Amino acid sequence: MKTLPFLAATFAAVAVTASAARDAHACWDGYAASVDRVDLRVPGDATWRPEKAREVARWATRMNALLPQGTKLESDLGFVTICTVNAAGECVTTVAETRWDNGSLAPLFKQVAQATQAAPAAVRSALRLDAAPVTLQVFASRSQAGADTVARRINDAHAGSDGFYTAGGFPADNPTAHVVAGTGKKGERVYRVLVGAFLAKGEAQTAAAELHRETGFQGFVRPL
């Protein structure tokens, strides 16, 4: 496979500092996500937020569509690598590497488009893609204290699945159940306990069955 020219020019400079920088960030706060062949480890805001998960799902899906067959993208604390993979999905050969400021995912999409030499039609097609992530709702209440209690019971049991997106401290046992404030049908304040973020309904249903076996809570699949 030929080297991708846009990123290849920066490879030498990045490679010198990559190992030391990653070791320096052995413990970090932020979010991690895996969407097919796109893996992200992004320092910064460590708050689990549905809107952030939706953004990650959308742009990671679009970047994934641009990757050549047999490659994957890893963004690890600001270092972006596109590599060829083996049968187990592990990086074998670095095709290109560069830096990303860990801000908006839209600029990273542009970098990937340039790095993969994607045709304008392919870029337009990728930009039309979106994701429809779902989650499990296991509880809803007008009382935040009640919702906090349910979430704590799930997290204390180390139950539930993160799905494709998790946020918090790394390495750590981050919670899978989250209390999210919202509005009910009559405009009232409602506190919902959501578990995980999933790209497919089937994945969420499997997670719901496991959560029920582990905790007795019966969650239902809903849009994230």
Protein backbone atom coordinates (compact mmCIF):
# COMPACT_ATOMS: atom_id res chain seq x y z
CA MET A 1 0.00 0.00 0.00
CA LYS A 2 1.44 3.38 -0.91
CA THR A 3 2.18 5.97 1.76
CA LEU A 4 -0.47 8.62 2.13
CA PRO A 5 1.32 11.89 1.28
CA PHE A 6 -0.55 14.39 3.47
CA LEU A 7 0.39 12.70 6.73
CA ALA A 8 3.65 11.14 5.63
CA ALA A 9 5.42 14.52 5.69
CA THR A 10 4.77 14.87 9.43
CA PHE A 11 5.57 11.31 10.37
CA ALA A 12 9.22 11.73 11.26
CA ALA A 13 8.64 14.65 13.61
CA VAL A 14 5.69 12.98 15.33
CA ALA A 15 7.36 9.60 15.74
CA VAL A 16 10.19 11.11 17.80
CA THR A 17 7.84 12.48 20.44
CA ALA A 18 4.95 10.01 20.33
CA SER A 19 6.25 7.40 22.76
CA ALA A 20 7.32 9.87 25.45
CA ALA A 21 4.09 11.85 25.22
CA ARG A 22 1.92 8.76 25.54
CA ASP A 23 3.89 7.53 28.54
CA ALA A 24 3.43 10.95 30.12
CA HIS A 25 -0.35 10.56 29.77
CA ALA A 26 -0.55 7.08 31.28
CA CYS A 27 -3.31 8.42 33.56
CA TRP A 28 -5.75 10.79 31.92
CA ASP A 29 -9.30 12.12 31.93
CA GLY A 30 -11.53 12.35 28.88
CA TYR A 31 -13.42 9.91 26.68
CA ALA A 32 -12.69 6.77 24.70
CA ALA A 33 -14.75 5.45 21.80
CA SER A 34 -14.57 2.66 19.27
CA VAL A 35 -16.68 2.77 16.10
CA ASP A 36 -15.79 -0.06 13.73
CA ARG A 37 -12.26 0.79 12.50
CA VAL A 38 -11.98 4.15 14.31
CA ASP A 39 -10.60 4.15 17.86
CA LEU A 40 -10.42 7.40 19.82
CA ARG A 41 -8.77 8.25 23.15
CA VAL A 42 -9.39 11.94 23.73
CA PRO A 43 -8.30 13.84 26.86
CA GLY A 44 -10.40 16.70 28.18
CA ASP A 45 -14.03 16.71 29.32
CA ALA A 46 -14.56 13.55 31.36
CA THR A 47 -18.34 14.01 31.76
CA TRP A 48 -20.52 11.33 30.14
CA ARG A 49 -22.91 13.28 27.92
CA PRO A 50 -25.42 11.90 25.37
CA GLU A 51 -24.78 14.81 23.01
CA LYS A 52 -21.05 14.06 22.99
CA ALA A 53 -21.68 10.38 22.33
CA ARG A 54 -23.93 11.31 19.40
CA GLU A 55 -21.24 13.62 17.98
CA VAL A 56 -18.60 10.93 18.29
CA ALA A 57 -20.83 8.32 16.64
CA ARG A 58 -21.61 10.66 13.74
CA TRP A 59 -18.06 11.71 12.89
CA ALA A 60 -16.44 8.36 13.60
CA THR A 61 -18.94 6.72 11.24
CA ARG A 62 -18.02 9.25 8.56
CA MET A 63 -14.27 8.80 9.06
CA ASN A 64 -14.67 5.05 9.00
CA ALA A 65 -16.26 5.30 5.55
CA LEU A 66 -13.13 7.01 4.20
CA LEU A 67 -10.60 4.47 5.45
CA PRO A 68 -9.15 2.15 2.81
CA GLN A 69 -9.98 -1.52 3.20
CA GLY A 70 -7.58 -3.22 5.59
CA THR A 71 -6.71 -0.10 7.59
CA LYS A 72 -7.83 1.49 10.82
CA LEU A 73 -7.48 4.85 12.55
CA GLU A 74 -6.29 5.34 16.11
CA SER A 75 -6.30 8.74 17.79
CA ASP A 76 -4.39 8.34 21.03
CA LEU A 77 -4.18 11.50 23.17
CA GLY A 78 -3.55 13.75 20.20
CA PHE A 79 -1.51 11.38 18.04
CA VAL A 80 -3.39 10.14 14.98
CA THR A 81 -2.26 6.96 13.25
CA ILE A 82 -3.60 5.25 10.16
CA CYS A 83 -2.24 1.73 9.91
CA THR A 84 -2.74 -1.55 8.14
CA VAL A 85 -4.22 -4.30 10.29
CA ASN A 86 -3.93 -8.06 10.67
CA ALA A 87 -6.77 -10.57 10.89
CA ALA A 88 -7.26 -9.70 14.57
CA GLY A 89 -7.70 -6.01 13.74
CA GLU A 90 -4.33 -5.05 15.28
CA CYS A 91 -2.08 -2.41 13.74
CA VAL A 92 0.76 -3.95 11.73
CA THR A 93 2.28 -1.19 9.62
CA THR A 94 1.94 2.55 10.11
CA VAL A 95 0.78 4.18 6.91
CA ALA A 96 0.83 7.73 8.26
CA GLU A 97 0.80 9.66 11.52
CA THR A 98 0.10 13.23 12.57
CA ARG A 99 -1.23 15.37 15.42
CA TRP A 100 -4.77 16.47 16.24
CA ASP A 101 -5.69 19.05 18.88
CA ASN A 102 -8.46 16.90 20.39
CA GLY A 103 -11.04 19.56 19.70
CA SER A 104 -13.91 19.24 17.26
CA LEU A 105 -14.10 16.02 15.29
CA ALA A 106 -14.96 17.83 12.07
CA PRO A 107 -11.33 18.97 11.46
CA LEU A 108 -10.13 15.43 12.08
CA PHE A 109 -12.53 14.23 9.39
CA LYS A 110 -10.94 16.69 6.96
CA GLN A 111 -7.47 15.40 7.87
CA VAL A 112 -8.59 11.84 7.25
CA ALA A 113 -10.11 12.81 3.91
CA GLN A 114 -6.81 14.37 2.83
CA ALA A 115 -4.71 11.53 4.24
CA THR A 116 -6.70 8.89 2.41
CA GLN A 117 -6.80 10.92 -0.81
CA ALA A 118 -10.56 10.54 -0.78
CA ALA A 119 -12.30 11.68 -3.95
CA PRO A 120 -14.71 14.62 -3.55
CA ALA A 121 -17.65 12.33 -4.26
CA ALA A 122 -16.50 9.95 -1.51
CA VAL A 123 -16.20 12.85 0.94
CA ARG A 124 -19.70 14.07 0.09
CA SER A 125 -21.06 10.56 0.48
CA ALA A 126 -19.38 10.17 3.88
CA LEU A 127 -20.74 13.51 5.07
CA ARG A 128 -24.27 12.30 4.34
CA LEU A 129 -23.80 9.41 6.78
CA ASP A 130 -25.09 9.66 10.30
CA ALA A 131 -25.44 7.35 13.26
CA ALA A 132 -28.47 6.66 15.43
CA PRO A 133 -26.99 5.53 18.75
CA VAL A 134 -29.27 4.10 21.42
CA THR A 135 -29.07 3.57 25.16
CA LEU A 136 -30.86 1.66 27.90
CA GLN A 137 -33.22 3.54 30.18
CA VAL A 138 -33.69 1.71 33.45
CA PHE A 139 -35.34 4.34 35.62
CA ALA A 140 -36.94 7.79 35.54
CA SER A 141 -38.00 9.99 38.41
CA ARG A 142 -38.73 13.58 39.35
CA SER A 143 -36.33 12.99 42.23
CA GLN A 144 -32.65 13.27 41.46
CA ALA A 145 -31.87 11.48 44.71
CA GLY A 146 -33.94 8.49 43.61
CA ALA A 147 -32.21 8.37 40.24
CA ASP A 148 -28.81 8.70 41.89
CA THR A 149 -29.62 5.72 44.12
CA VAL A 150 -30.52 3.49 41.16
CA ALA A 151 -27.41 4.50 39.22
CA ARG A 152 -25.23 3.89 42.27
CA ARG A 153 -26.68 0.39 42.75
CA ILE A 154 -25.80 -0.53 39.17
CA ASN A 155 -22.34 0.97 39.35
CA ASP A 156 -21.55 -0.50 42.77
CA ALA A 157 -22.37 -3.91 41.27
CA HIS A 158 -19.96 -3.19 38.39
CA ALA A 159 -22.82 -4.10 36.08
CA GLY A 160 -23.86 -2.77 32.70
CA SER A 161 -22.01 -2.19 29.46
CA ASP A 162 -20.33 0.99 28.19
CA GLY A 163 -21.05 0.19 24.55
CA PHE A 164 -19.01 2.21 22.06
CA TYR A 165 -18.41 5.26 24.28
CA THR A 166 -17.15 5.79 27.81
CA ALA A 167 -16.01 8.87 29.70
CA GLY A 168 -14.17 9.45 32.93
CA GLY A 169 -10.69 8.72 34.24
CA PHE A 170 -8.33 6.23 32.65
CA PRO A 171 -7.28 3.69 33.65
CA ALA A 172 -10.29 3.37 35.91
CA ASP A 173 -13.52 1.48 36.40
CA ASN A 174 -15.81 4.15 35.00
CA PRO A 175 -19.57 4.03 35.69
CA THR A 176 -21.89 2.56 33.10
CA ALA A 177 -25.07 4.05 34.60
CA HIS A 178 -25.56 7.80 34.33
CA VAL A 179 -28.20 10.21 35.62
CA VAL A 180 -29.27 12.59 32.85
CA ALA A 181 -31.65 15.46 33.53
CA GLY A 182 -34.37 16.09 30.99
CA THR A 183 -37.96 17.18 30.48
CA GLY A 184 -41.08 15.03 30.76
CA LYS A 185 -44.17 15.08 28.53
CA LYS A 186 -45.76 17.84 30.62
CA GLY A 187 -42.61 19.94 30.83
CA GLU A 188 -41.64 18.66 34.25
CA ARG A 189 -38.04 18.02 35.27
CA VAL A 190 -37.18 14.32 34.95
CA TYR A 191 -34.03 12.47 35.95
CA ARG A 192 -33.37 9.38 33.84
CA VAL A 193 -30.91 6.61 34.53
CA LEU A 194 -29.26 5.61 31.26
CA VAL A 195 -26.87 2.70 30.83
CA GLY A 196 -24.34 2.61 28.00
CA ALA A 197 -24.27 3.92 24.45
CA PHE A 198 -24.70 1.51 21.55
CA LEU A 199 -24.56 1.77 17.78
CA ALA A 200 -27.08 -0.98 17.12
CA LYS A 201 -30.37 -1.96 18.75
CA GLY A 202 -29.27 -5.61 18.90
CA GLU A 203 -26.19 -4.69 20.94
CA ALA A 204 -28.36 -2.74 23.36
CA GLN A 205 -30.83 -5.61 23.72
CA THR A 206 -28.01 -8.01 24.56
CA ALA A 207 -26.70 -5.54 27.14
CA ALA A 208 -30.21 -5.18 28.59
CA ALA A 209 -30.50 -8.93 29.09
CA GLU A 210 -27.12 -9.05 30.83
CA LEU A 211 -28.01 -6.10 33.05
CA HIS A 212 -31.27 -7.79 34.06
CA ARG A 213 -29.45 -10.99 35.00
CA GLU A 214 -26.84 -9.09 36.99
CA THR A 215 -29.03 -6.55 38.81
CA GLY A 216 -32.69 -7.32 38.26
CA PHE A 217 -33.23 -3.96 36.54
CA GLN A 218 -35.25 -4.15 33.35
CA GLY A 219 -34.05 -1.54 30.87
CA PHE A 220 -35.63 -0.64 27.56
CA VAL A 221 -33.88 0.55 24.41
CA ARG A 222 -34.39 4.20 23.50
CA PRO A 223 -32.60 6.80 21.33
CA LEU A 224 -29.57 8.24 23.04
